[in-house]
Amino acid sequence: FCISGAQSTEFDDEGSALLSMKSSLDDPLDCLKGWSSENQSSHCNWTGISCDSDRLVTGIDLSNMNLTGNVSDAIQSFHRLSFLNLCCNSLYSLPRSVSKLAMLTYFDVSSNQIAGDFPSGLDAAIGLVTINGSGNNFTGFLPEEIGNLSRLEILDLRGSLFR
């Protein structure tokens, strides 16, 4: 006698996290219409999503999709995320939890409408090569720990109003 129950796997959790991200965004062009709970287990095939052989999200590219809204805190769920491109939308804010993306090598949030402080804690992503936050309205202080990123090759924050 065997009872089979649904087990939550990490890739199902990531599918849920992607749906949470989608729910925090307005998608007037329906670019993310394929992101649905009906095909949540195939999230690696969703528009803008790349996965590794374990079916864990390694890349999110939502650039140039005319998205508006705030990036959901669910972004911290992607422990293997190395590529994040949210360029050229109308996003308003980033959650503090982006600092938990320790595998990031590419971080592009350029040409949005993000205001306020630039995210601190990105130095946890010791392999970070590119940070592009240009074309936003960042203010305050640039986090000093960015200076600890020894592999950083590109830092573009043009248009910000740092003190």
Protein backbone atom coordinates (compact mmCIF):
# COMPACT_ATOMS: atom_id res chain seq x y z
CA PHE A 1 0.00 0.00 0.00
CA CYS A 2 1.52 3.27 -1.11
CA ILE A 3 0.27 6.79 -0.66
CA SER A 4 1.55 9.26 -3.17
CA GLY A 5 1.42 12.92 -2.32
CA ALA A 6 2.56 15.96 -4.19
CA GLN A 7 6.02 16.91 -3.07
CA SER A 8 7.13 20.49 -3.36
CA THR A 9 10.33 20.68 -5.35
CA GLU A 10 12.63 23.60 -5.73
CA PHE A 11 11.70 24.10 -9.37
CA ASP A 12 7.99 24.19 -8.49
CA ASP A 13 8.83 26.80 -5.86
CA GLU A 14 10.64 28.80 -8.53
CA GLY A 15 7.61 28.57 -10.81
CA SER A 16 5.51 29.99 -7.97
CA ALA A 17 8.06 32.74 -7.39
CA LEU A 18 7.93 33.69 -11.08
CA LEU A 19 4.14 33.89 -10.89
CA SER A 20 4.49 36.12 -7.84
CA MET A 21 6.84 38.37 -9.79
CA LYS A 22 4.37 38.49 -12.68
CA SER A 23 1.52 39.47 -10.35
CA SER A 24 3.47 42.55 -9.19
CA LEU A 25 3.91 43.78 -12.77
CA ASP A 26 1.57 45.33 -15.31
CA ASP A 27 2.16 43.67 -18.68
CA PRO A 28 0.22 45.72 -21.27
CA LEU A 29 1.76 43.89 -24.25
CA ASP A 30 0.99 40.45 -22.76
CA CYS A 31 4.64 39.43 -23.05
CA LEU A 32 4.27 37.16 -20.02
CA LYS A 33 0.95 35.56 -21.02
CA GLY A 34 2.63 32.12 -21.14
CA TRP A 35 3.55 32.42 -17.46
CA SER A 36 0.66 30.52 -15.93
CA SER A 37 -0.06 28.15 -13.07
CA GLU A 38 -1.38 25.68 -15.63
CA ASN A 39 2.14 25.12 -16.96
CA GLN A 40 4.07 26.05 -13.84
CA SER A 41 6.26 22.93 -13.97
CA SER A 42 7.55 24.01 -17.39
CA HIS A 43 8.64 27.47 -16.24
CA CYS A 44 12.03 26.93 -17.90
CA ASN A 45 10.24 27.37 -21.23
CA TRP A 46 8.57 30.64 -20.26
CA THR A 47 9.45 33.85 -22.09
CA GLY A 48 12.65 35.37 -20.72
CA ILE A 49 13.58 32.46 -18.44
CA SER A 50 16.73 30.32 -18.66
CA CYS A 51 17.40 27.29 -16.49
CA ASP A 52 20.24 24.89 -15.79
CA SER A 53 20.12 21.10 -16.17
CA ASP A 54 18.48 20.87 -12.72
CA ARG A 55 15.64 23.08 -14.05
CA LEU A 56 16.56 25.89 -11.69
CA VAL A 57 16.36 29.47 -12.93
CA THR A 58 19.74 30.90 -13.93
CA GLY A 59 18.58 33.78 -16.13
CA ILE A 60 15.73 36.27 -16.20
CA ASP A 61 15.58 38.59 -19.21
CA LEU A 62 12.50 40.80 -19.17
CA SER A 63 14.10 43.64 -21.10
CA ASN A 64 12.09 45.86 -23.46
CA MET A 65 8.70 44.40 -22.51
CA ASN A 66 7.00 47.67 -21.50
CA LEU A 67 6.45 46.30 -17.98
CA THR A 68 5.44 48.63 -15.17
CA GLY A 69 5.31 48.12 -11.43
CA ASN A 70 7.61 46.98 -8.66
CA VAL A 71 9.95 44.01 -8.72
CA SER A 72 8.60 41.45 -6.27
CA ASP A 73 10.50 40.27 -3.22
CA ALA A 74 10.04 36.78 -4.68
CA ILE A 75 13.18 37.44 -6.73
CA GLN A 76 15.21 36.19 -3.76
CA SER A 77 13.92 32.66 -4.49
CA PHE A 78 16.30 32.17 -7.40
CA HIS A 79 19.43 30.88 -5.69
CA ARG A 80 21.21 30.09 -8.96
CA LEU A 81 20.27 33.29 -10.78
CA SER A 82 23.36 34.63 -12.54
CA PHE A 83 21.79 36.84 -15.24
CA LEU A 84 19.16 39.50 -14.48
CA ASN A 85 18.13 41.93 -17.22
CA LEU A 86 15.16 44.17 -16.46
CA CYS A 87 16.32 46.95 -18.79
CA CYS A 88 14.12 49.34 -20.63
CA ASN A 89 10.78 49.01 -18.87
CA SER A 90 8.99 51.32 -16.44
CA LEU A 91 9.80 49.62 -13.15
CA TYR A 92 9.57 51.76 -10.01
CA SER A 93 11.50 49.91 -7.34
CA LEU A 94 13.72 46.98 -6.46
CA PRO A 95 13.31 44.96 -3.26
CA ARG A 96 16.16 44.83 -0.76
CA SER A 97 16.24 41.09 -1.33
CA VAL A 98 18.19 41.51 -4.59
CA SER A 99 21.18 41.48 -2.25
CA LYS A 100 20.50 37.76 -1.65
CA LEU A 101 21.27 36.86 -5.27
CA ALA A 102 24.77 35.63 -4.53
CA MET A 103 25.32 33.96 -7.93
CA LEU A 104 24.70 37.10 -10.01
CA THR A 105 27.28 37.97 -12.65
CA TYR A 106 25.10 40.34 -14.72
CA PHE A 107 22.70 42.90 -13.19
CA ASP A 108 20.94 45.33 -15.55
CA VAL A 109 18.07 47.51 -14.37
CA SER A 110 18.88 50.42 -16.69
CA SER A 111 16.32 52.70 -18.32
CA ASN A 112 13.51 52.27 -15.82
CA GLN A 113 11.96 54.70 -13.34
CA ILE A 114 13.59 53.34 -10.20
CA ALA A 115 13.99 55.98 -7.52
CA GLY A 116 15.59 56.01 -4.10
CA ASP A 117 18.65 54.24 -2.80
CA PHE A 118 20.70 51.92 -4.97
CA PRO A 119 20.44 48.38 -3.57
CA SER A 120 23.03 47.60 -0.94
CA GLY A 121 24.46 44.15 -0.35
CA LEU A 122 25.28 43.35 -3.97
CA ASP A 123 28.82 42.56 -2.83
CA ALA A 124 27.43 39.16 -1.77
CA ALA A 125 27.53 38.37 -5.50
CA ILE A 126 31.31 38.11 -5.59
CA GLY A 127 31.31 37.10 -9.27
CA LEU A 128 29.42 40.21 -10.40
CA VAL A 129 30.95 41.50 -13.64
CA THR A 130 28.31 44.01 -14.82
CA ILE A 131 26.11 46.44 -12.94
CA ASN A 132 24.01 48.73 -15.12
CA GLY A 133 21.59 51.02 -13.34
CA SER A 134 21.85 53.95 -15.73
CA GLY A 135 18.82 55.98 -16.73
CA ASN A 136 17.07 55.78 -13.36
CA ASN A 137 16.60 58.17 -10.46
CA PHE A 138 18.82 56.64 -7.80
CA THR A 139 19.70 59.03 -4.99
CA GLY A 140 21.54 58.92 -1.70
CA PHE A 141 24.89 57.23 -1.42
CA LEU A 142 26.43 54.61 -3.66
CA PRO A 143 27.01 51.59 -1.40
CA GLU A 144 30.72 51.42 -0.52
CA GLU A 145 30.75 47.63 -0.70
CA ILE A 146 30.54 47.82 -4.50
CA GLY A 147 34.26 48.59 -4.25
CA ASN A 148 34.77 45.05 -2.92
CA LEU A 149 33.61 43.45 -6.18
CA SER A 150 36.98 42.41 -7.56
CA ARG A 151 35.57 40.98 -10.81
CA LEU A 152 33.44 44.02 -11.63
CA GLU A 153 34.27 45.30 -15.13
CA ILE A 154 31.28 47.53 -15.91
CA LEU A 155 29.60 49.89 -13.48
CA ASP A 156 27.20 52.26 -15.26
CA LEU A 157 25.04 54.47 -13.09
CA ARG A 158 24.77 57.49 -15.41
CA GLY A 159 21.81 59.72 -14.69
CA SER A 160 21.72 59.02 -10.97
CA LEU A 161 21.89 61.72 -8.34
CA PHE A 162 24.25 60.22 -5.79
CA ARG A 163 25.72 62.43 -3.07
